[in-house]
N, C-alpha and C. Protein backbone atom coordinates (compact mmCIF):
# COMPACT_ATOMS: atom_id res chain seq x y z
N MET A 1 31.67 7.81 -26.05
CA MET A 1 31.93 6.56 -26.73
C MET A 1 30.67 5.71 -26.72
N ALA A 2 30.39 5.04 -27.80
CA ALA A 2 29.20 4.21 -27.92
C ALA A 2 29.33 2.98 -27.03
N LYS A 3 28.18 2.55 -26.52
CA LYS A 3 28.17 1.35 -25.69
C LYS A 3 28.48 0.13 -26.54
N LYS A 4 29.02 -0.89 -25.89
CA LYS A 4 29.25 -2.15 -26.56
C LYS A 4 27.90 -2.75 -26.92
N PRO A 5 27.79 -3.41 -28.08
CA PRO A 5 26.50 -3.99 -28.49
C PRO A 5 25.89 -4.92 -27.44
N GLU A 6 26.73 -5.66 -26.72
CA GLU A 6 26.19 -6.60 -25.73
C GLU A 6 25.58 -5.90 -24.53
N ASN A 7 25.88 -4.60 -24.35
CA ASN A 7 25.32 -3.84 -23.24
C ASN A 7 24.05 -3.09 -23.62
N LEU A 8 23.64 -3.18 -24.86
CA LEU A 8 22.44 -2.50 -25.32
C LEU A 8 21.25 -3.46 -25.30
N SER A 9 20.06 -2.91 -25.09
CA SER A 9 18.86 -3.73 -25.20
C SER A 9 18.62 -4.01 -26.69
N PHE A 10 17.78 -4.97 -26.96
CA PHE A 10 17.44 -5.28 -28.35
C PHE A 10 16.88 -4.03 -29.04
N GLU A 11 16.01 -3.32 -28.35
CA GLU A 11 15.38 -2.14 -28.93
C GLU A 11 16.40 -1.03 -29.19
N GLN A 12 17.36 -0.86 -28.28
CA GLN A 12 18.40 0.15 -28.48
C GLN A 12 19.27 -0.21 -29.69
N SER A 13 19.58 -1.49 -29.82
CA SER A 13 20.38 -1.95 -30.97
C SER A 13 19.65 -1.68 -32.27
N LEU A 14 18.36 -2.00 -32.30
CA LEU A 14 17.56 -1.79 -33.50
C LEU A 14 17.50 -0.30 -33.86
N SER A 15 17.32 0.53 -32.87
CA SER A 15 17.28 1.97 -33.11
C SER A 15 18.60 2.49 -33.67
N GLU A 16 19.70 2.02 -33.10
CA GLU A 16 21.01 2.45 -33.60
C GLU A 16 21.25 1.94 -35.02
N LEU A 17 20.81 0.71 -35.30
CA LEU A 17 20.94 0.18 -36.65
C LEU A 17 20.17 1.04 -37.65
N GLU A 18 18.98 1.44 -37.29
CA GLU A 18 18.18 2.30 -38.17
C GLU A 18 18.90 3.63 -38.44
N THR A 19 19.53 4.17 -37.41
CA THR A 19 20.27 5.42 -37.56
C THR A 19 21.47 5.23 -38.49
N ILE A 20 22.19 4.13 -38.31
CA ILE A 20 23.35 3.84 -39.15
C ILE A 20 22.93 3.70 -40.61
N VAL A 21 21.86 2.96 -40.85
CA VAL A 21 21.39 2.75 -42.23
C VAL A 21 21.00 4.09 -42.85
N ALA A 22 20.26 4.90 -42.12
CA ALA A 22 19.85 6.20 -42.65
C ALA A 22 21.06 7.07 -42.97
N HIS A 23 22.04 7.04 -42.10
CA HIS A 23 23.25 7.84 -42.32
C HIS A 23 24.01 7.36 -43.56
N LEU A 24 24.14 6.04 -43.69
CA LEU A 24 24.86 5.49 -44.85
C LEU A 24 24.10 5.72 -46.15
N GLU A 25 22.76 5.68 -46.09
CA GLU A 25 21.95 5.88 -47.30
C GLU A 25 22.07 7.30 -47.84
N GLN A 26 22.41 8.24 -46.97
CA GLN A 26 22.56 9.63 -47.43
C GLN A 26 23.75 9.76 -48.37
N GLY A 27 24.72 8.87 -48.23
CA GLY A 27 25.85 8.86 -49.15
C GLY A 27 26.87 9.95 -48.94
N GLU A 28 26.75 10.69 -47.87
CA GLU A 28 27.68 11.78 -47.62
C GLU A 28 28.66 11.41 -46.51
N VAL A 29 29.14 10.17 -46.55
CA VAL A 29 30.02 9.65 -45.52
C VAL A 29 31.35 9.26 -46.17
N SER A 30 32.44 9.58 -45.49
CA SER A 30 33.74 9.15 -46.02
C SER A 30 33.82 7.63 -45.98
N LEU A 31 34.71 7.09 -46.79
CA LEU A 31 34.87 5.64 -46.85
C LEU A 31 35.25 5.07 -45.49
N ASP A 32 36.18 5.72 -44.81
CA ASP A 32 36.61 5.23 -43.49
C ASP A 32 35.45 5.24 -42.50
N ASP A 33 34.69 6.32 -42.50
CA ASP A 33 33.55 6.41 -41.59
C ASP A 33 32.48 5.38 -41.96
N ALA A 34 32.25 5.20 -43.24
CA ALA A 34 31.27 4.21 -43.69
C ALA A 34 31.67 2.80 -43.25
N LEU A 35 32.95 2.48 -43.37
CA LEU A 35 33.43 1.16 -42.94
C LEU A 35 33.28 0.98 -41.44
N LYS A 36 33.57 2.02 -40.66
CA LYS A 36 33.41 1.94 -39.20
C LYS A 36 31.94 1.75 -38.84
N GLN A 37 31.06 2.48 -39.51
CA GLN A 37 29.63 2.33 -39.23
C GLN A 37 29.12 0.96 -39.66
N PHE A 38 29.61 0.48 -40.79
CA PHE A 38 29.21 -0.84 -41.26
C PHE A 38 29.65 -1.91 -40.25
N GLU A 39 30.88 -1.79 -39.77
CA GLU A 39 31.38 -2.75 -38.78
C GLU A 39 30.54 -2.70 -37.50
N ARG A 40 30.21 -1.51 -37.06
CA ARG A 40 29.35 -1.34 -35.87
C ARG A 40 27.99 -2.00 -36.13
N GLY A 41 27.45 -1.77 -37.31
CA GLY A 41 26.15 -2.36 -37.65
C GLY A 41 26.19 -3.88 -37.64
N ILE A 42 27.25 -4.45 -38.18
CA ILE A 42 27.40 -5.92 -38.18
C ILE A 42 27.44 -6.44 -36.75
N ASN A 43 28.19 -5.77 -35.90
CA ASN A 43 28.26 -6.19 -34.50
C ASN A 43 26.90 -6.08 -33.81
N LEU A 44 26.16 -5.03 -34.11
CA LEU A 44 24.83 -4.87 -33.54
C LEU A 44 23.89 -5.97 -34.02
N VAL A 45 23.97 -6.30 -35.30
CA VAL A 45 23.12 -7.36 -35.86
C VAL A 45 23.44 -8.70 -35.20
N ARG A 46 24.71 -9.00 -35.07
CA ARG A 46 25.11 -10.29 -34.45
C ARG A 46 24.61 -10.38 -33.02
N GLN A 47 24.79 -9.31 -32.26
CA GLN A 47 24.36 -9.33 -30.86
C GLN A 47 22.84 -9.39 -30.76
N SER A 48 22.14 -8.71 -31.66
CA SER A 48 20.67 -8.75 -31.66
C SER A 48 20.18 -10.15 -32.00
N GLN A 49 20.82 -10.80 -32.95
CA GLN A 49 20.45 -12.16 -33.32
C GLN A 49 20.64 -13.11 -32.13
N THR A 50 21.72 -12.93 -31.40
CA THR A 50 21.97 -13.74 -30.21
C THR A 50 20.87 -13.53 -29.18
N LYS A 51 20.48 -12.28 -28.97
CA LYS A 51 19.42 -11.99 -28.00
C LYS A 51 18.09 -12.60 -28.43
N LEU A 52 17.79 -12.56 -29.73
CA LEU A 52 16.56 -13.18 -30.23
C LEU A 52 16.59 -14.69 -30.02
N GLU A 53 17.72 -15.31 -30.31
CA GLU A 53 17.85 -16.75 -30.13
C GLU A 53 17.70 -17.13 -28.66
N GLN A 54 18.27 -16.34 -27.77
CA GLN A 54 18.14 -16.61 -26.34
C GLN A 54 16.69 -16.48 -25.89
N ALA A 55 16.00 -15.48 -26.39
CA ALA A 55 14.59 -15.30 -26.04
C ALA A 55 13.76 -16.47 -26.56
N GLN A 56 14.04 -16.91 -27.78
CA GLN A 56 13.32 -18.04 -28.35
C GLN A 56 13.56 -19.31 -27.53
N GLN A 57 14.78 -19.53 -27.11
CA GLN A 57 15.09 -20.70 -26.29
C GLN A 57 14.36 -20.63 -24.95
N LYS A 58 14.32 -19.45 -24.36
CA LYS A 58 13.64 -19.29 -23.07
C LYS A 58 12.14 -19.57 -23.22
N VAL A 59 11.53 -19.06 -24.29
CA VAL A 59 10.11 -19.33 -24.52
C VAL A 59 9.88 -20.82 -24.71
N SER A 60 10.74 -21.47 -25.46
CA SER A 60 10.60 -22.92 -25.68
C SER A 60 10.71 -23.68 -24.37
N ILE A 61 11.66 -23.30 -23.55
CA ILE A 61 11.83 -23.97 -22.25
C ILE A 61 10.60 -23.77 -21.38
N LEU A 62 10.10 -22.55 -21.34
CA LEU A 62 8.92 -22.27 -20.52
C LEU A 62 7.70 -23.04 -21.01
N LEU A 63 7.54 -23.12 -22.32
CA LEU A 63 6.41 -23.86 -22.86
C LEU A 63 6.54 -25.35 -22.58
N ASN A 64 7.75 -25.88 -22.70
CA ASN A 64 7.97 -27.31 -22.45
C ASN A 64 7.78 -27.65 -20.98
N GLU A 65 8.18 -26.75 -20.08
CA GLU A 65 8.03 -27.00 -18.65
C GLU A 65 6.57 -27.06 -18.25
N ASN A 66 5.75 -26.31 -18.92
CA ASN A 66 4.34 -26.22 -18.55
C ASN A 66 3.43 -26.98 -19.50
N ASP A 67 4.01 -27.72 -20.44
CA ASP A 67 3.23 -28.46 -21.44
C ASP A 67 2.13 -27.61 -22.06
N VAL A 68 2.50 -26.43 -22.51
CA VAL A 68 1.56 -25.50 -23.12
C VAL A 68 1.65 -25.63 -24.63
N GLU A 69 0.49 -25.69 -25.27
CA GLU A 69 0.46 -25.69 -26.73
C GLU A 69 -0.04 -24.33 -27.20
N LEU A 70 0.65 -23.79 -28.17
CA LEU A 70 0.26 -22.49 -28.72
C LEU A 70 -0.69 -22.66 -29.87
N ALA A 71 -1.70 -21.83 -29.92
CA ALA A 71 -2.61 -21.81 -31.05
C ALA A 71 -2.12 -20.76 -32.04
N PRO A 72 -2.35 -20.96 -33.32
CA PRO A 72 -1.93 -19.95 -34.30
C PRO A 72 -2.57 -18.60 -34.01
N PHE A 73 -1.83 -17.56 -34.19
CA PHE A 73 -2.31 -16.21 -33.96
C PHE A 73 -3.08 -15.73 -35.19
N THR A 74 -4.27 -15.25 -34.97
CA THR A 74 -5.06 -14.70 -36.07
C THR A 74 -5.53 -13.31 -35.68
N VAL A 75 -5.58 -12.44 -36.67
CA VAL A 75 -6.05 -11.08 -36.44
C VAL A 75 -7.47 -10.99 -36.99
N ASP A 76 -8.37 -10.53 -36.15
CA ASP A 76 -9.75 -10.35 -36.58
C ASP A 76 -9.85 -9.19 -37.54
N ALA A 77 -10.52 -9.40 -38.64
CA ALA A 77 -10.73 -8.30 -39.61
C ALA A 77 -11.71 -7.31 -39.03
N GLU A 78 -11.39 -6.05 -39.19
CA GLU A 78 -12.28 -5.00 -38.64
C GLU A 78 -13.18 -4.46 -39.71
């Protein structure tokens, strides 16, 4: 049985979502199975969004506690 979305890491959720999308894109899935996979995908997306929001809040709190200002990230051209 698949783990509950809340018990997966962000990376595990993303990997499973990629698998679900690839499986659904093949088009060789019954309607019932497609709906189950779609529902699983929605749950994974919601839980992943929650984890991202929590991480963003934690970063904001840490930056505010230490009065740190972030500089824009730039990539040096090679």
